[in-house]
Amino acid sequence: LNQKSIVLDLGGYEGQWASDLFSRYKCNIFIFEPVNSFAERIRTRFCNNDQIEVFSFGLGSSSRTESMHISADGSSIFGESENTEQIEIIDAKDWIDKNQIEKIDLIKINIEGGEYELLERLINTNLIEKIDNILVQFHNISENSQSAMENIQKKLSNTHKPTYQYEFVWENWTRK
C-alpha cells in the first residue's frame, strides 16, 4: 500500500483500523459504517483528513433499508437486541460504478454477517477482479454459515489465493 492506494473499510465502527492503516501507509480510505452514531464519531475523528471519507451506509447485494441491532462492535442486522436503528444498505456494484472505482488495493470486510451477500455480489458481477486484497471476517450467524463460507472460498479461489485463514476469525485473499 502507498499514498495512491484505494482502501475500502466496511464496518468502520470507531475507525481504529483505518487510523492504524493510514498512519502506516497514508492511503485513501473509504469507511462504510451504517450506524449513524458510529459514523458520526468516525467522521469527527477524521474531519481534518481529506484522504479518509466516511459513508453512513453499508454496502451489500442490493439497495434497501434494514433494521440494525445495536451492540457495539457486534451490531448486526442478524443480531438480537432491543436497541435497533434503521440503516441504509447500498448495492456495492452501484456504488463502485457510480464512483468510477477501477481498482481497490484492499477491502476490509467486518460486517457481522453481511459479508456473505456482499462477497456473492462482488463475485457474481466480476467486481472481485478489481480487488487486489480481501481481508474478511466471516461470522457464524446461522446453521448454514459454514457451507456458505466454504462456497464463497471456493469461488474466491478462481481469482484469489488465501494468504492466511483462521476460520470465523480473519482471513486474507490476494489476487492471483
Foldseek 3Di string as FASTA:
>chain_A
DAQAAEEEEFLCQQVPVVVVVCVVHVYQYEYEAQPVVSQVNNCVVCVVPPSYHYDNAGEFQAWDKAKWADDRSQIASLDDDPDIDITIYHHPVVVCVVVVQQAHAEYEEDHNARVLRHLVNCLVVVVLLRYFKYKYQQADRDPCSVVSVVVSVVSVVVFWDWPDDDHNGITMTGGD
